[in-house]
């Protein structure tokens, strides 16, 4: 997984391998291209501006599932490829861990669980193959 710096503990506590951290588009895209990543947690606003959608598109092209973590949900296009959904800010680390756990179960074929309250799912998408996660860091 690649993630925003503040989410690192939640990712590792959820039992996932943290592949890397990225604070801007170019770093995130380079990480996506150089690593085997299953899920990217992406904010819309990164250190270099509103570049999170660029990161999400690059993730989709690389076959990496995307979960947005943003306070700007109204700016998400409804047809964005690769988006599983979002966790709106402000979020709690407990909520982020619950969302990751839920997605892991969903990707394993367990469709009976109800998503945690913090997770807003989008259209069903194929899930990650394992536990490697990453994120574009927010500003």
Protein backbone atom coordinates (compact mmCIF):
# COMPACT_ATOMS: atom_id res chain seq x y z
CA UNK A 1 0.00 0.00 0.00
CA UNK A 2 1.19 3.57 -0.55
CA UNK A 3 -0.36 6.09 1.80
CA UNK A 4 -0.38 9.52 3.34
CA UNK A 5 2.10 9.79 6.18
CA UNK A 6 -0.52 10.07 8.92
CA UNK A 7 -2.23 6.88 7.81
CA UNK A 8 0.87 4.69 8.08
CA UNK A 9 0.10 3.33 11.56
CA UNK A 10 -3.49 2.46 10.61
CA UNK A 11 -2.29 0.56 7.56
CA UNK A 12 0.32 -1.47 9.40
CA UNK A 13 -2.00 -2.09 12.37
CA UNK A 14 -4.52 -3.48 9.88
CA UNK A 15 -1.89 -6.07 8.94
CA UNK A 16 -0.94 -4.58 5.59
CA UNK A 17 2.50 -3.98 4.17
CA UNK A 18 3.20 -0.30 3.72
CA UNK A 19 4.98 -0.03 0.37
CA UNK A 20 5.67 3.69 0.54
CA UNK A 21 4.58 7.24 1.21
CA UNK A 22 4.05 9.92 -1.41
CA UNK A 23 3.34 13.59 -0.81
CA UNK A 24 2.98 14.64 -4.45
CA UNK A 25 1.85 13.32 -7.83
CA UNK A 26 5.26 12.53 -9.31
CA UNK A 27 6.43 10.60 -6.24
CA UNK A 28 3.17 8.66 -6.05
CA UNK A 29 3.19 7.76 -9.76
CA UNK A 30 6.84 6.69 -9.58
CA UNK A 31 6.01 4.50 -6.58
CA UNK A 32 3.05 2.97 -8.42
CA UNK A 33 5.32 2.09 -11.35
CA UNK A 34 8.15 0.67 -9.26
CA UNK A 35 6.27 -1.41 -6.68
CA UNK A 36 3.73 -4.21 -6.48
CA UNK A 37 0.79 -2.40 -4.88
CA UNK A 38 -2.74 -3.67 -4.28
CA UNK A 39 -4.46 -0.60 -2.87
CA UNK A 40 -3.65 3.11 -2.85
CA UNK A 41 -5.20 5.51 -0.34
CA UNK A 42 -5.35 8.82 -2.18
CA UNK A 43 -6.28 12.35 -1.16
CA UNK A 44 -7.46 14.74 -3.87
CA UNK A 45 -5.22 17.55 -2.66
CA UNK A 46 -1.54 16.67 -2.48
CA UNK A 47 1.47 18.84 -1.69
CA UNK A 48 1.67 19.92 -5.33
CA UNK A 49 -2.01 20.89 -5.60
CA UNK A 50 -5.17 19.14 -6.73
CA UNK A 51 -3.29 16.19 -8.25
CA UNK A 52 -4.90 13.24 -6.47
CA UNK A 53 -7.09 12.43 -9.48
CA UNK A 54 -3.93 12.11 -11.61
CA UNK A 55 -2.55 9.64 -9.07
CA UNK A 56 -5.84 7.70 -9.03
CA UNK A 57 -5.86 7.46 -12.82
CA UNK A 58 -2.25 6.25 -12.86
CA UNK A 59 -3.18 3.68 -10.21
CA UNK A 60 -6.10 2.49 -12.31
CA UNK A 61 -3.84 2.13 -15.35
CA UNK A 62 -1.46 0.05 -13.20
CA UNK A 63 -4.29 -2.19 -11.97
CA UNK A 64 -4.14 -0.76 -8.44
CA UNK A 65 -7.39 -0.25 -6.55
CA UNK A 66 -7.96 3.24 -5.11
CA UNK A 67 -9.68 4.36 -1.94
CA UNK A 68 -9.98 8.11 -1.58
CA UNK A 69 -9.38 9.77 1.77
CA UNK A 70 -10.58 13.32 1.32
CA UNK A 71 -12.59 16.20 2.70
CA UNK A 72 -13.56 17.07 -0.88
CA UNK A 73 -15.86 14.20 -1.84
CA UNK A 74 -18.03 16.55 -3.91
CA UNK A 75 -15.08 16.99 -6.29
CA UNK A 76 -14.83 13.28 -7.16
CA UNK A 77 -16.09 12.35 -10.64
CA UNK A 78 -18.69 9.59 -10.53
CA UNK A 79 -16.99 7.57 -13.27
CA UNK A 80 -13.39 7.53 -12.01
CA UNK A 81 -11.79 4.20 -12.94
CA UNK A 82 -10.26 2.26 -10.08
CA UNK A 83 -12.09 4.02 -7.25
CA UNK A 84 -13.53 1.71 -4.62
CA UNK A 85 -15.00 4.54 -2.63
CA UNK A 86 -13.92 6.99 0.00
CA UNK A 87 -13.34 7.74 3.62
CA UNK A 88 -14.25 11.36 4.24
CA UNK A 89 -12.15 13.57 6.47
CA UNK A 90 -12.06 14.00 9.31
CA UNK A 91 -11.57 10.29 9.89
CA UNK A 92 -10.31 8.25 12.81
CA UNK A 93 -7.54 5.67 12.70
CA UNK A 94 -10.07 3.14 14.03
CA UNK A 95 -12.32 3.94 11.07
CA UNK A 96 -9.49 3.62 8.56
CA UNK A 97 -8.47 0.23 10.02
CA UNK A 98 -12.12 -0.91 9.90
CA UNK A 99 -12.39 0.15 6.25
CA UNK A 100 -9.19 -1.71 5.33
CA UNK A 101 -10.38 -4.81 7.19
CA UNK A 102 -13.75 -4.62 5.43
CA UNK A 103 -12.11 -4.29 2.00
CA UNK A 104 -9.79 -7.21 2.71
CA UNK A 105 -12.83 -9.38 3.53
CA UNK A 106 -14.65 -8.13 0.44
CA UNK A 107 -11.66 -8.94 -1.79
CA UNK A 108 -11.54 -12.42 -0.26
CA UNK A 109 -15.12 -12.97 -1.41
CA UNK A 110 -16.98 -12.26 1.83
CA UNK A 111 -19.82 -10.09 0.59
CA UNK A 112 -22.00 -10.49 3.67
CA UNK A 113 -20.39 -7.87 5.89
CA UNK A 114 -21.80 -4.39 6.18
CA UNK A 115 -19.26 -1.64 5.45
CA UNK A 116 -18.13 0.45 8.41
CA UNK A 117 -19.96 3.74 8.75
CA UNK A 118 -16.89 5.74 7.64
CA UNK A 119 -16.59 3.92 4.29
CA UNK A 120 -18.67 5.10 1.36
CA UNK A 121 -18.47 2.49 -1.38
CA UNK A 122 -18.68 3.31 -5.04
CA UNK A 123 -19.51 0.90 -7.86
CA UNK A 124 -18.19 -2.62 -7.27
CA UNK A 125 -14.65 -3.12 -8.56
CA UNK A 126 -12.21 -6.02 -8.56
CA UNK A 127 -10.10 -5.94 -5.44
CA UNK A 128 -6.45 -6.18 -4.57
CA UNK A 129 -4.65 -9.48 -4.65
CA UNK A 130 -3.01 -9.10 -1.23
CA UNK A 131 -2.09 -6.74 1.57
CA UNK A 132 0.25 -4.24 -0.09
CA UNK A 133 -1.05 -0.71 0.26
CA UNK A 134 0.00 2.79 -0.65
CA UNK A 135 -1.25 6.42 -0.75
CA UNK A 136 -0.80 9.88 -2.19
CA UNK A 137 -0.26 12.08 0.85
CA UNK A 138 -2.54 15.01 1.50
CA UNK A 139 -1.48 18.60 2.00
